[in-house]
Amino acid sequence: MAFEKIIKPIISQFSPEMIFVSFGGDAHYMDPLGGLSLSSLGYVSLCEKITNLAKNVCDSKLCFVLEGGYNVDALSEIVSGIVGSWHNKKINYEFTNVNDNFDTGKTIVEKVMDVQKRYWKL
């Protein structure tokens, strides 16, 4: 939801020459420190969306920098899935639980949109 309603429209309007992604696995539900709820598939899906956005706005100029994540098994699954998606390879995912935080996320997205609408067409 945040990607479609906030990130994609702002990046499209800004039209950067390149997209840098400070990537960390600490939002994964298996991470002992993050306390968030993304699954491995959620990470891969988001990174695929970012990759497609980069194709459209900056001729695929995209850089991912790996920064964190404290569950090595989950982190390796995420990275394997992302790299695999760039090469049309599928992996078998182990960490696929979906923790539904839609209502909380929706409220936060709406608050962020209210602020960003002052500067961008959302």
PDB file of N, CA and C in Angstrom:
ATOM      1  N   MET A   1       0.820  -1.188   0.000  1.00  0.00           N
ATOM      2  CA  MET A   1       0.000   0.000   0.000  1.00  0.00           C
ATOM      3  C   MET A   1       0.869   1.260   0.000  1.00  0.00           C
ATOM      4  N   ALA A   2       1.876   1.317   0.864  1.00  0.00           N
ATOM      5  CA  ALA A   2       2.735   2.497   0.921  1.00  0.00           C
ATOM      6  C   ALA A   2       3.496   2.691  -0.384  1.00  0.00           C
ATOM      7  N   PHE A   3       3.914   1.587  -0.998  1.00  0.00           N
ATOM      8  CA  PHE A   3       4.657   1.708  -2.250  1.00  0.00           C
ATOM      9  C   PHE A   3       3.788   2.349  -3.323  1.00  0.00           C
ATOM     10  N   GLU A   4       2.588   1.829  -3.503  1.00  0.00           N
ATOM     11  CA  GLU A   4       1.706   2.319  -4.570  1.00  0.00           C
ATOM     12  C   GLU A   4       1.192   3.727  -4.304  1.00  0.00           C
ATOM     13  N   LYS A   5       0.921   4.052  -3.047  1.00  0.00           N
ATOM     14  CA  LYS A   5       0.295   5.339  -2.731  1.00  0.00           C
ATOM     15  C   LYS A   5       1.291   6.459  -2.466  1.00  0.00           C
ATOM     16  N   ILE A   6       2.518   6.115  -2.062  1.00  0.00           N
ATOM     17  CA  ILE A   6       3.477   7.156  -1.676  1.00  0.00           C
ATOM     18  C   ILE A   6       4.776   7.063  -2.479  1.00  0.00           C
ATOM     19  N   ILE A   7       5.455   5.946  -2.366  1.00  0.00           N
ATOM     20  CA  ILE A   7       6.798   5.827  -2.938  1.00  0.00           C
ATOM     21  C   ILE A   7       6.786   5.953  -4.460  1.00  0.00           C
ATOM     22  N   LYS A   8       5.967   5.171  -5.114  1.00  0.00           N
ATOM     23  CA  LYS A   8       5.938   5.181  -6.585  1.00  0.00           C
ATOM     24  C   LYS A   8       5.566   6.555  -7.151  1.00  0.00           C
ATOM     25  N   PRO A   9       4.501   7.196  -6.659  1.00  0.00           N
ATOM     26  CA  PRO A   9       4.171   8.517  -7.214  1.00  0.00           C
ATOM     27  C   PRO A   9       5.257   9.569  -6.974  1.00  0.00           C
ATOM     28  N   ILE A  10       5.870   9.547  -5.801  1.00  0.00           N
ATOM     29  CA  ILE A  10       6.896  10.551  -5.510  1.00  0.00           C
ATOM     30  C   ILE A  10       8.130  10.320  -6.370  1.00  0.00           C
ATOM     31  N   ILE A  11       8.580   9.082  -6.466  1.00  0.00           N
ATOM     32  CA  ILE A  11       9.756   8.806  -7.298  1.00  0.00           C
ATOM     33  C   ILE A  11       9.464   9.135  -8.760  1.00  0.00           C
ATOM     34  N   SER A  12       8.283   8.818  -9.222  1.00  0.00           N
ATOM     35  CA  SER A  12       7.922   9.121 -10.613  1.00  0.00           C
ATOM     36  C   SER A  12       7.936  10.624 -10.870  1.00  0.00           C
ATOM     37  N   GLN A  13       7.440  11.410  -9.932  1.00  0.00           N
ATOM     38  CA  GLN A  13       7.429  12.861 -10.087  1.00  0.00           C
ATOM     39  C   GLN A  13       8.831  13.450  -9.956  1.00  0.00           C
ATOM     40  N   PHE A  14       9.620  12.909  -9.048  1.00  0.00           N
ATOM     41  CA  PHE A  14      10.982  13.405  -8.832  1.00  0.00           C
ATOM     42  C   PHE A  14      11.889  13.058 -10.008  1.00  0.00           C
ATOM     43  N   SER A  15      11.661  11.903 -10.606  1.00  0.00           N
ATOM     44  CA  SER A  15      12.400  11.433 -11.780  1.00  0.00           C
ATOM     45  C   SER A  15      13.918  11.425 -11.555  1.00  0.00           C
ATOM     46  N   PRO A  16      14.383  10.600 -10.625  1.00  0.00           N
ATOM     47  CA  PRO A  16      15.820  10.574 -10.322  1.00  0.00           C
ATOM     48  C   PRO A  16      16.630   9.955 -11.459  1.00  0.00           C
ATOM     49  N   GLU A  17      17.921  10.265 -11.471  1.00  0.00           N
ATOM     50  CA  GLU A  17      18.817   9.651 -12.450  1.00  0.00           C
ATOM     51  C   GLU A  17      19.162   8.221 -12.052  1.00  0.00           C
ATOM     52  N   MET A  18      19.079   7.929 -10.761  1.00  0.00           N
ATOM     53  CA  MET A  18      19.400   6.601 -10.239  1.00  0.00           C
ATOM     54  C   MET A  18      18.666   6.422  -8.915  1.00  0.00           C
ATOM     55  N   ILE A  19      18.340   5.189  -8.591  1.00  0.00           N
ATOM     56  CA  ILE A  19      17.695   4.888  -7.313  1.00  0.00           C
ATOM     57  C   ILE A  19      18.659   4.064  -6.467  1.00  0.00           C
ATOM     58  N   PHE A  20      18.913   4.527  -5.247  1.00  0.00           N
ATOM     59  CA  PHE A  20      19.700   3.783  -4.270  1.00  0.00           C
ATOM     60  C   PHE A  20      18.752   3.246  -3.213  1.00  0.00           C
ATOM     61  N   VAL A  21      18.894   1.980  -2.872  1.00  0.00           N
ATOM     62  CA  VAL A  21      18.053   1.362  -1.849  1.00  0.00           C
ATOM     63  C   VAL A  21      18.942   0.928  -0.698  1.00  0.00           C
ATOM     64  N   SER A  22      18.736   1.538   0.456  1.00  0.00           N
ATOM     65  CA  SER A  22      19.410   1.112   1.677  1.00  0.00           C
ATOM     66  C   SER A  22      18.602  -0.049   2.230  1.00  0.00           C
ATOM     67  N   PHE A  23      19.055  -1.247   1.935  1.00  0.00           N
ATOM     68  CA  PHE A  23      18.279  -2.458   2.180  1.00  0.00           C
ATOM     69  C   PHE A  23      18.719  -3.137   3.467  1.00  0.00           C
ATOM     70  N   GLY A  24      17.757  -3.449   4.308  1.00  0.00           N
ATOM     71  CA  GLY A  24      18.033  -4.214   5.522  1.00  0.00           C
ATOM     72  C   GLY A  24      16.958  -5.250   5.739  1.00  0.00           C
ATOM     73  N   GLY A  25      17.327  -6.344   6.327  1.00  0.00           N
ATOM     74  CA  GLY A  25      16.382  -7.421   6.581  1.00  0.00           C
ATOM     75  C   GLY A  25      15.743  -7.365   7.947  1.00  0.00           C
ATOM     76  N   ASP A  26      15.922  -6.269   8.643  1.00  0.00           N
ATOM     77  CA  ASP A  26      15.418  -6.200  10.014  1.00  0.00           C
ATOM     78  C   ASP A  26      13.918  -5.956  10.114  1.00  0.00           C
ATOM     79  N   ALA A  27      13.234  -5.755   9.010  1.00  0.00           N
ATOM     80  CA  ALA A  27      11.766  -5.669   9.048  1.00  0.00           C
ATOM     81  C   ALA A  27      11.122  -7.041   8.852  1.00  0.00           C
ATOM     82  N   HIS A  28      11.944  -8.074   8.685  1.00  0.00           N
ATOM     83  CA  HIS A  28      11.442  -9.443   8.519  1.00  0.00           C
ATOM     84  C   HIS A  28      10.865  -9.931   9.846  1.00  0.00           C
ATOM     85  N   TYR A  29       9.788 -10.699   9.778  1.00  0.00           N
ATOM     86  CA  TYR A  29       9.142 -11.169  11.008  1.00  0.00           C
ATOM     87  C   TYR A  29      10.033 -12.095  11.829  1.00  0.00           C
ATOM     88  N   MET A  30      11.060 -12.692  11.234  1.00  0.00           N
ATOM     89  CA  MET A  30      11.973 -13.570  11.968  1.00  0.00           C
ATOM     90  C   MET A  30      13.108 -12.805  12.648  1.00  0.00           C
ATOM     91  N   ASP A  31      13.261 -11.530  12.330  1.00  0.00           N
ATOM     92  CA  ASP A  31      14.366 -10.756  12.882  1.00  0.00           C
ATOM     93  C   ASP A  31      14.158 -10.520  14.376  1.00  0.00           C
ATOM     94  N   PRO A  32      15.163 -10.798  15.204  1.00  0.00           N
ATOM     95  CA  PRO A  32      14.992 -10.658  16.651  1.00  0.00           C
ATOM     96  C   PRO A  32      14.948  -9.215  17.147  1.00  0.00           C
ATOM     97  N   LEU A  33      15.410  -8.270  16.347  1.00  0.00           N
ATOM     98  CA  LEU A  33      15.459  -6.882  16.806  1.00  0.00           C
ATOM     99  C   LEU A  33      14.407  -5.981  16.182  1.00  0.00           C
ATOM    100  N   GLY A  34      13.982  -6.302  14.971  1.00  0.00           N
ATOM    101  CA  GLY A  34      13.113  -5.395  14.226  1.00  0.00           C
ATOM    102  C   GLY A  34      11.701  -5.256  14.751  1.00  0.00           C
ATOM    103  N   GLY A  35      11.072  -6.353  15.117  1.00  0.00           N
ATOM    104  CA  GLY A  35       9.700  -6.293  15.612  1.00  0.00           C
ATOM    105  C   GLY A  35       8.667  -5.946  14.554  1.00  0.00           C
ATOM    106  N   LEU A  36       9.001  -6.112  13.283  1.00  0.00           N
ATOM    107  CA  LEU A  36       8.053  -5.815  12.217  1.00  0.00           C
ATOM    108  C   LEU A  36       7.564  -7.114  11.597  1.00  0.00           C
ATOM    109  N   SER A  37       6.913  -7.054  10.444  1.00  0.00           N
ATOM    110  CA  SER A  37       6.194  -8.259  10.021  1.00  0.00           C
ATOM    111  C   SER A  37       6.313  -8.625   8.546  1.00  0.00           C
ATOM    112  N   LEU A  38       7.356  -8.196   7.855  1.00  0.00           N
ATOM    113  CA  LEU A  38       7.492  -8.591   6.454  1.00  0.00           C
ATOM    114  C   LEU A  38       7.938 -10.045   6.342  1.00  0.00           C
ATOM    115  N   SER A  39       7.400 -10.743   5.366  1.00  0.00           N
ATOM    116  CA  SER A  39       7.852 -12.100   5.059  1.00  0.00           C
ATOM    117  C   SER A  39       8.934 -12.009   3.984  1.00  0.00           C
ATOM    118  N   SER A  40       9.580 -13.119   3.713  1.00  0.00           N
ATOM    119  CA  SER A  40      10.572 -13.144   2.631  1.00  0.00           C
ATOM    120  C   SER A  40       9.921 -12.783   1.305  1.00  0.00           C
ATOM    121  N   LEU A  41       8.736 -13.336   1.051  1.00  0.00           N
ATOM    122  CA  LEU A  41       8.015 -13.021  -0.187  1.00  0.00           C
ATOM    123  C   LEU A  41       7.648 -11.540  -0.255  1.00  0.00           C
ATOM    124  N   GLY A  42       7.315 -10.955   0.885  1.00  0.00           N
ATOM    125  CA  GLY A  42       7.008  -9.526   0.926  1.00  0.00           C
ATOM    126  C   GLY A  42       8.202  -8.682   0.523  1.00  0.00           C
ATOM    127  N   TYR A  43       9.380  -9.052   1.034  1.00  0.00           N
ATOM    128  CA  TYR A  43      10.606  -8.354   0.648  1.00  0.00           C
ATOM    129  C   TYR A  43      10.864  -8.468  -0.848  1.00  0.00           C
ATOM    130  N   VAL A  44      10.778  -9.693  -1.361  1.00  0.00           N
ATOM    131  CA  VAL A  44      11.066  -9.916  -2.780  1.00  0.00           C
ATOM    132  C   VAL A  44      10.069  -9.153  -3.648  1.00  0.00           C
ATOM    133  N   SER A  45       8.809  -9.174  -3.276  1.00  0.00           N
ATOM    134  CA  SER A  45       7.785  -8.448  -4.027  1.00  0.00           C
ATOM    135  C   SER A  45       8.085  -6.951  -4.052  1.00  0.00           C
ATOM    136  N   LEU A  46       8.440  -6.395  -2.908  1.00  0.00           N
ATOM    137  CA  LEU A  46       8.761  -4.973  -2.838  1.00  0.00           C
ATOM    138  C   LEU A  46       9.980  -4.648  -3.701  1.00  0.00           C
ATOM    139  N   CYS A  47      10.993  -5.483  -3.640  1.00  0.00           N
ATOM    140  CA  CYS A  47      12.191  -5.236  -4.447  1.00  0.00           C
ATOM    141  C   CYS A  47      11.911  -5.377  -5.935  1.00  0.00           C
ATOM    142  N   GLU A  48      11.018  -6.277  -6.315  1.00  0.00           N
ATOM    143  CA  GLU A  48      10.613  -6.382  -7.723  1.00  0.00           C
ATOM    144  C   GLU A  48       9.903  -5.108  -8.171  1.00  0.00           C
ATOM    145  N   LYS A  49       9.075  -4.548  -7.299  1.00  0.00           N
ATOM    146  CA  LYS A  49       8.388  -3.293  -7.634  1.00  0.00           C
ATOM    147  C   LYS A  49       9.389  -2.156  -7.806  1.00  0.00           C
ATOM    148  N   ILE A  50      10.379  -2.102  -6.927  1.00  0.00           N
ATOM    149  CA  ILE A  50      11.404  -1.061  -7.032  1.00  0.00           C
ATOM    150  C   ILE A  50      12.203  -1.237  -8.321  1.00  0.00           C
ATOM    151  N   THR A  51      12.541  -2.472  -8.656  1.00  0.00           N
ATOM    152  CA  THR A  51      13.277  -2.757  -9.887  1.00  0.00           C
ATOM    153  C   THR A  51      12.480  -2.313 -11.110  1.00  0.00           C
ATOM    154  N   ASN A  52      11.195  -2.615 -11.133  1.00  0.00           N
ATOM    155  CA  ASN A  52      10.343  -2.194 -12.253  1.00  0.00           C
ATOM    156  C   ASN A  52      10.210  -0.679 -12.318  1.00  0.00           C
ATOM    157  N   LEU A  53      10.115  -0.039 -11.168  1.00  0.00           N
ATOM    158  CA  LEU A  53      10.042   1.416 -11.139  1.00  0.00           C
ATOM    159  C   LEU A  53      11.323   2.020 -11.709  1.00  0.00           C
ATOM    160  N   ALA A  54      12.462   1.454 -11.343  1.00  0.00           N
ATOM    161  CA  ALA A  54      13.741   1.956 -11.866  1.00  0.00           C
ATOM    162  C   ALA A  54      13.814   1.808 -13.386  1.00  0.00           C
ATOM    163  N   LYS A  55      13.239   0.749 -13.925  1.00  0.00           N
ATOM    164  CA  LYS A  55      13.211   0.577 -15.386  1.00  0.00           C
ATOM    165  C   LYS A  55      12.471   1.737 -16.041  1.00  0.00           C
ATOM    166  N   ASN A  56      11.404   2.188 -15.390  1.00  0.00           N
ATOM    167  CA  ASN A  56      10.563   3.236 -15.969  1.00  0.00           C
ATOM    168  C   ASN A  56      11.089   4.645 -15.753  1.00  0.00           C
ATOM    169  N   VAL A  57      11.741   4.902 -14.637  1.00  0.00           N
ATOM    170  CA  VAL A  57      12.107   6.293 -14.340  1.00  0.00           C
ATOM    171  C   VAL A  57      13.582   6.615 -14.541  1.00  0.00           C
ATOM    172  N   CYS A  58      14.460   5.620 -14.508  1.00  0.00           N
ATOM    173  CA  CYS A  58      15.888   5.950 -14.597  1.00  0.00           C
ATOM    174  C   CYS A  58      16.687   4.904 -15.369  1.00  0.00           C
ATOM    175  N   ASP A  59      16.052   4.329 -16.368  1.00  0.00           N
ATOM    176  CA  ASP A  59      16.741   3.400 -17.268  1.00  0.00           C
ATOM    177  C   ASP A  59      17.433   2.263 -16.503  1.00  0.00           C
ATOM    178  N   SER A  60      16.754   1.753 -15.485  1.00  0.00           N
ATOM    179  CA  SER A  60      17.224   0.611 -14.678  1.00  0.00           C
ATOM    180  C   SER A  60      18.478   0.893 -13.859  1.00  0.00           C
ATOM    181  N   LYS A  61      18.797   2.152 -13.651  1.00  0.00           N
ATOM    182  CA  LYS A  61      19.963   2.474 -12.814  1.00  0.00           C
ATOM    183  C   LYS A  61      19.530   2.342 -11.356  1.00  0.00           C
ATOM    184  N   LEU A  62      19.999   1.277 -10.729  1.00  0.00           N
ATOM    185  CA  LEU A  62      19.508   0.894  -9.409  1.00  0.00           C
ATOM    186  C   LEU A  62      20.643   0.267  -8.617  1.00  0.00           C
ATOM    187  N   CYS A  63      20.769   0.660  -7.365  1.00  0.00           N
ATOM    188  CA  CYS A  63      21.807   0.107  -6.499  1.00  0.00           C
ATOM    189  C   CYS A  63      21.184  -0.287  -5.161  1.00  0.00           C
ATOM    190  N   PHE A  64      21.319  -1.549  -4.798  1.00  0.00           N
ATOM    191  CA  PHE A  64      20.901  -2.025  -3.483  1.00  0.00           C
ATOM    192  C   PHE A  64      22.144  -2.146  -2.611  1.00  0.00           C
ATOM    193  N   VAL A  65      22.097  -1.597  -1.401  1.00  0.00           N
ATOM    194  CA  VAL A  65      23.185  -1.718  -0.441  1.00  0.00           C
ATOM    195  C   VAL A  65      22.642  -2.473   0.763  1.00  0.00           C
ATOM    196  N   LEU A  66      23.228  -3.624   1.058  1.00  0.00           N
ATOM    197  CA  LEU A  66      22.775  -4.447   2.176  1.00  0.00           C
ATOM    198  C   LEU A  66      23.322  -3.876   3.471  1.00  0.00           C
ATOM    199  N   GLU A  67      22.416  -3.588   4.413  1.00  0.00           N
ATOM    200  CA  GLU A  67      22.834  -2.929   5.640  1.00  0.00           C
ATOM    201  C   GLU A  67      22.526  -3.668   6.919  1.00  0.00           C
ATOM    202  N   GLY A  68      21.508  -4.469   6.967  1.00  0.00           N
ATOM    203  CA  GLY A  68      21.175  -5.064   8.256  1.00  0.00           C
ATOM    204  C   GLY A  68      20.290  -6.264   8.111  1.00  0.00           C
ATOM    205  N   GLY A  69      19.906  -6.757   9.254  1.00  0.00           N
ATOM    206  CA  GLY A  69      19.135  -7.979   9.347  1.00  0.00           C
ATOM    207  C   GLY A  69      19.889  -8.915  10.265  1.00  0.00           C
ATOM    208  N   TYR A  70      19.212  -9.425  11.269  1.00  0.00           N
ATOM    209  CA  TYR A  70      19.909 -10.146  12.325  1.00  0.00           C
ATOM    210  C   TYR A  70      19.465 -11.590  12.454  1.00  0.00           C
ATOM    211  N   ASN A  71      18.727 -12.071  11.475  1.00  0.00           N
ATOM    212  CA  ASN A  71      18.427 -13.495  11.381  1.00  0.00           C
ATOM    213  C   ASN A  71      19.049 -13.950  10.066  1.00  0.00           C
ATOM    214  N   VAL A  72      20.165 -14.648  10.168  1.00  0.00           N
ATOM    215  CA  VAL A  72      20.942 -15.000   8.982  1.00  0.00           C
ATOM    216  C   VAL A  72      20.140 -15.863   8.014  1.00  0.00           C
ATOM    217  N   ASP A  73      19.320 -16.768   8.529  1.00  0.00           N
ATOM    218  CA  ASP A  73      18.529 -17.627   7.650  1.00  0.00           C
ATOM    219  C   ASP A  73      17.517 -16.811   6.843  1.00  0.00           C
ATOM    220  N   ALA A  74      16.827 -15.913   7.513  1.00  0.00           N
ATOM    221  CA  ALA A  74      15.851 -15.071   6.813  1.00  0.00           C
ATOM    222  C   ALA A  74      16.551 -14.140   5.829  1.00  0.00           C
ATOM    223  N   LEU A  75      17.655 -13.562   6.254  1.00  0.00           N
ATOM    224  CA  LEU A  75      18.387 -12.638   5.390  1.00  0.00           C
ATOM    225  C   LEU A  75      18.900 -13.340   4.132  1.00  0.00           C
ATOM    226  N   SER A  76      19.426 -14.550   4.292  1.00  0.00           N
ATOM    227  CA  SER A  76      19.917 -15.271   3.111  1.00  0.00           C
ATOM    228  C   SER A  76      18.769 -15.638   2.175  1.00  0.00           C
ATOM    229  N   GLU A  77      17.608 -15.939   2.748  1.00  0.00           N
ATOM    230  CA  GLU A  77      16.448 -16.257   1.917  1.00  0.00           C
ATOM    231  C   GLU A  77      15.984 -15.029   1.133  1.00  0.00           C
ATOM    232  N   ILE A  78      15.968 -13.895   1.788  1.00  0.00           N
ATOM    233  CA  ILE A  78      15.554 -12.653   1.129  1.00  0.00           C
ATOM    234  C   ILE A  78      16.508 -12.311  -0.020  1.00  0.00           C
ATOM    235  N   VAL A  79      17.795 -12.310   0.273  1.00  0.00           N
ATOM    236  CA  VAL A  79      18.783 -11.944  -0.748  1.00  0.00           C
ATOM    237  C   VAL A  79      18.739 -12.930  -1.915  1.00  0.00           C
ATOM    238  N   SER A  80      18.638 -14.220  -1.614  1.00  0.00           N
ATOM    239  CA  SER A  80      18.535 -15.229  -2.683  1.00  0.00           C
ATOM    240  C   SER A  80      17.295 -14.995  -3.538  1.00  0.00           C
ATOM    241  N   GLY A  81      16.193 -14.666  -2.890  1.00  0.00           N
ATOM    242  CA  GLY A  81      14.954 -14.410  -3.623  1.00  0.00           C
ATOM    243  C   GLY A  81      15.039 -13.192  -4.519  1.00  0.00           C
ATOM    244  N   ILE A  82      15.674 -12.136  -4.016  1.00  0.00           N
ATOM    245  CA  ILE A  82      15.806 -10.907  -4.805  1.00  0.00           C
ATOM    246  C   ILE A  82      16.710 -11.137  -6.011  1.00  0.00           C
ATOM    247  N   VAL A  83      17.878 -11.700  -5.768  1.00  0.00           N
ATOM    248  CA  VAL A  83      18.809 -11.958  -6.872  1.00  0.00           C
ATOM    249  C   VAL A  83      18.181 -12.943  -7.856  1.00  0.00           C
ATOM    250  N   GLY A  84      17.504 -13.948  -7.340  1.00  0.00           N
ATOM    251  CA  GLY A  84      16.812 -14.897  -8.212  1.00  0.00           C
ATOM    252  C   GLY A  84      15.773 -14.219  -9.085  1.00  0.00           C
ATOM    253  N   SER A  85      15.046 -13.268  -8.517  1.00  0.00           N
ATOM    254  CA  SER A  85      14.009 -12.578  -9.301  1.00  0.00           C
ATOM    255  C   SER A  85      14.616 -11.781 -10.449  1.00  0.00           C
ATOM    256  N   TRP A  86      15.812 -11.260 -10.261  1.00  0.00           N
ATOM    257  CA  TRP A  86      16.480 -10.517 -11.336  1.00  0.00           C
ATOM    258  C   TRP A  86      16.888 -11.430 -12.486  1.00  0.00           C
ATOM    259  N   HIS A  87      16.999 -12.730 -12.199  1.00  0.00           N
ATOM    260  CA  HIS A  87      17.432 -13.704 -13.209  1.00  0.00           C
ATOM    261  C   HIS A  87      16.321 -14.689 -13.563  1.00  0.00           C
ATOM    262  N   ASN A  88      15.089 -14.323 -13.215  1.00  0.00           N
ATOM    263  CA  ASN A  88      13.918 -15.178 -13.476  1.00  0.00           C
ATOM    264  C   ASN A  88      14.061 -16.581 -12.891  1.00  0.00           C
ATOM    265  N   LYS A  89      14.670 -16.669 -11.723  1.00  0.00           N
ATOM    266  CA  LYS A  89      14.823 -17.941 -11.014  1.00  0.00           C
ATOM    267  C   LYS A  89      13.950 -17.891  -9.769  1.00  0.00           C
ATOM    268  N   LYS A  90      13.265 -18.961  -9.510  1.00  0.00           N
ATOM    269  CA  LYS A  90      12.418 -19.057  -8.320  1.00  0.00           C
ATOM    270  C   LYS A  90      13.134 -19.884  -7.262  1.00  0.00           C
ATOM    271  N   ILE A  91      12.980 -19.502  -6.018  1.00  0.00           N
ATOM    272  CA  ILE A  91      13.527 -20.297  -4.930  1.00  0.00           C
ATOM    273  C   ILE A  91      12.367 -20.819  -4.088  1.00  0.00           C
ATOM    274  N   ASN A  92      12.645 -21.795  -3.275  1.00  0.00           N
ATOM    275  CA  ASN A  92      11.655 -22.298  -2.322  1.00  0.00           C
ATOM    276  C   ASN A  92      11.805 -21.502  -1.033  1.00  0.00           C
ATOM    277  N   TYR A  93      10.723 -20.854  -0.632  1.00  0.00           N
ATOM    278  CA  TYR A  93      10.760 -20.020   0.565  1.00  0.00           C
ATOM    279  C   TYR A  93      10.322 -20.815   1.787  1.00  0.00           C
ATOM    280  N   GLU A  94      11.011 -20.569   2.878  1.00  0.00           N
ATOM    281  CA  GLU A  94      10.663 -21.190   4.150  1.00  0.00           C
ATOM    282  C   GLU A  94       9.889 -20.217   5.042  1.00  0.00           C
ATOM    283  N   PHE A  95      10.258 -18.952   5.001  1.00  0.00           N
ATOM    284  CA  PHE A  95       9.693 -17.957   5.913  1.00  0.00           C
ATOM    285  C   PHE A  95       8.591 -17.162   5.208  1.00  0.00           C
ATOM    286  N   THR A  96       7.392 -17.735   5.193  1.00  0.00           N
ATOM    287  CA  THR A  96       6.290 -17.168   4.410  1.00  0.00           C
ATOM    288  C   THR A  96       5.106 -16.713   5.253  1.00  0.00           C
ATOM    289  N   ASN A  97       5.234 -16.744   6.566  1.00  0.00           N
ATOM    290  CA  ASN A  97       4.117 -16.304   7.407  1.00  0.00           C
ATOM    291  C   ASN A  97       3.745 -14.867   7.071  1.00  0.00           C
ATOM    292  N   VAL A  98       2.465 -14.605   7.125  1.00  0.00           N
ATOM    293  CA  VAL A  98       1.980 -13.245   6.905  1.00  0.00           C
ATOM    294  C   VAL A  98       1.316 -12.790   8.194  1.00  0.00           C
ATOM    295  N   ASN A  99       1.888 -11.766   8.795  1.00  0.00           N
ATOM    296  CA  ASN A  99       1.309 -11.180  10.001  1.00  0.00           C
ATOM    297  C   ASN A  99       0.517  -9.961   9.565  1.00  0.00           C
ATOM    298  N   ASP A 100      -0.781 -10.017   9.710  1.00  0.00           N
ATOM    299  CA  ASP A 100      -1.657  -8.972   9.184  1.00  0.00           C
ATOM    300  C   ASP A 100      -1.648  -7.745  10.080  1.00  0.00           C
ATOM    301  N   ASN A 101      -0.966  -6.712   9.618  1.00  0.00           N
ATOM    302  CA  ASN A 101      -0.951  -5.419  10.306  1.00  0.00           C
ATOM    303  C   ASN A 101      -1.579  -4.354   9.413  1.00  0.00           C
ATOM    304  N   PHE A 102      -2.545  -4.765   8.575  1.00  0.00           N
ATOM    305  CA  PHE A 102      -3.112  -3.864   7.578  1.00  0.00           C
ATOM    306  C   PHE A 102      -3.703  -2.605   8.203  1.00  0.00           C
ATOM    307  N   ASP A 103      -4.477  -2.753   9.274  1.00  0.00           N
ATOM    308  CA  ASP A 103      -5.130  -1.576   9.865  1.00  0.00           C
ATOM    309  C   ASP A 103      -4.110  -0.582  10.394  1.00  0.00           C
ATOM    310  N   THR A 104      -3.089  -1.072  11.084  1.00  0.00           N
ATOM    311  CA  THR A 104      -2.037  -0.189  11.591  1.00  0.00           C
ATOM    312  C   THR A 104      -1.303   0.464  10.431  1.00  0.00           C
ATOM    313  N   GLY A 105      -0.950  -0.336   9.437  1.00  0.00           N
ATOM    314  CA  GLY A 105      -0.237   0.191   8.276  1.00  0.00           C
ATOM    315  C   GLY A 105      -1.047   1.223   7.523  1.00  0.00           C
ATOM    316  N   LYS A 106      -2.339   0.972   7.381  1.00  0.00           N
ATOM    317  CA  LYS A 106      -3.212   1.899   6.662  1.00  0.00           C
ATOM    318  C   LYS A 106      -3.241   3.259   7.355  1.00  0.00           C
ATOM    319  N   THR A 107      -3.328   3.260   8.670  1.00  0.00           N
ATOM    320  CA  THR A 107      -3.344   4.513   9.432  1.00  0.00           C
ATOM    321  C   THR A 107      -2.046   5.286   9.239  1.00  0.00           C
ATOM    322  N   ILE A 108      -0.925   4.589   9.283  1.00  0.00           N
ATOM    323  CA  ILE A 108       0.370   5.245   9.111  1.00  0.00           C
ATOM    324  C   ILE A 108       0.509   5.792   7.695  1.00  0.00           C
ATOM    325  N   VAL A 109       0.116   5.019   6.699  1.00  0.00           N
ATOM    326  CA  VAL A 109       0.189   5.472   5.306  1.00  0.00           C
ATOM    327  C   VAL A 109      -0.655   6.729   5.115  1.00  0.00           C
ATOM    328  N   GLU A 110      -1.839   6.756   5.685  1.00  0.00           N
ATOM    329  CA  GLU A 110      -2.700   7.936   5.561  1.00  0.00           C
ATOM    330  C   GLU A 110      -2.057   9.164   6.191  1.00  0.00           C
ATOM    331  N   LYS A 111      -1.407   8.999   7.341  1.00  0.00           N
ATOM    332  CA  LYS A 111      -0.733  10.129   7.994  1.00  0.00           C
ATOM    333  C   LYS A 111       0.432  10.636   7.149  1.00  0.00           C
ATOM    334  N   VAL A 112       1.209   9.710   6.603  1.00  0.00           N
ATOM    335  CA  VAL A 112       2.336  10.108   5.749  1.00  0.00           C
ATOM    336  C   VAL A 112       1.819  10.816   4.499  1.00  0.00           C
ATOM    337  N   MET A 113       0.750  10.305   3.909  1.00  0.00           N
ATOM    338  CA  MET A 113       0.174  10.940   2.722  1.00  0.00           C
ATOM    339  C   MET A 113      -0.291  12.355   3.018  1.00  0.00           C
ATOM    340  N   ASP A 114      -0.895  12.566   4.179  1.00  0.00           N
ATOM    341  CA  ASP A 114      -1.357  13.905   4.541  1.00  0.00           C
ATOM    342  C   ASP A 114      -0.203  14.903   4.545  1.00  0.00           C
ATOM    343  N   VAL A 115       0.945  14.487   5.037  1.00  0.00           N
ATOM    344  CA  VAL A 115       2.112  15.369   5.058  1.00  0.00           C
ATOM    345  C   VAL A 115       2.679  15.542   3.649  1.00  0.00           C
ATOM    346  N   GLN A 116       2.859  14.443   2.940  1.00  0.00           N
ATOM    347  CA  GLN A 116       3.506  14.496   1.629  1.00  0.00           C
ATOM    348  C   GLN A 116       2.649  15.178   0.560  1.00  0.00           C
ATOM    349  N   LYS A 117       1.338  15.222   0.756  1.00  0.00           N
ATOM    350  CA  LYS A 117       0.454  15.904  -0.210  1.00  0.00           C
ATOM    351  C   LYS A 117       0.773  17.390  -0.316  1.00  0.00           C
ATOM    352  N   ARG A 118       1.438  17.930   0.679  1.00  0.00           N
ATOM    353  CA  ARG A 118       1.828  19.336   0.626  1.00  0.00           C
ATOM    354  C   ARG A 118       2.892  19.575  -0.443  1.00  0.00           C
ATOM    355  N   TYR A 119       3.628  18.521  -0.781  1.00  0.00           N
ATOM    356  CA  TYR A 119       4.776  18.654  -1.671  1.00  0.00           C
ATOM    357  C   TYR A 119       4.653  17.883  -2.986  1.00  0.00           C
ATOM    358  N   TRP A 120       3.811  16.845  -3.004  1.00  0.00           N
ATOM    359  CA  TRP A 120       3.705  15.954  -4.160  1.00  0.00           C
ATOM    360  C   TRP A 120       2.248  15.713  -4.504  1.00  0.00           C
ATOM    361  N   LYS A 121       1.992  15.335  -5.740  1.00  0.00           N
ATOM    362  CA  LYS A 121       0.636  14.978  -6.166  1.00  0.00           C
ATOM    363  C   LYS A 121       0.390  13.517  -5.815  1.00  0.00           C
ATOM    364  N   LEU A 122      -0.342  13.301  -4.751  1.00  0.00           N
ATOM    365  CA  LEU A 122      -0.668  11.941  -4.300  1.00  0.00           C
ATOM    366  C   LEU A 122      -2.168  11.725  -4.365  1.00  0.00           C
TER     367      LEU A 122
END
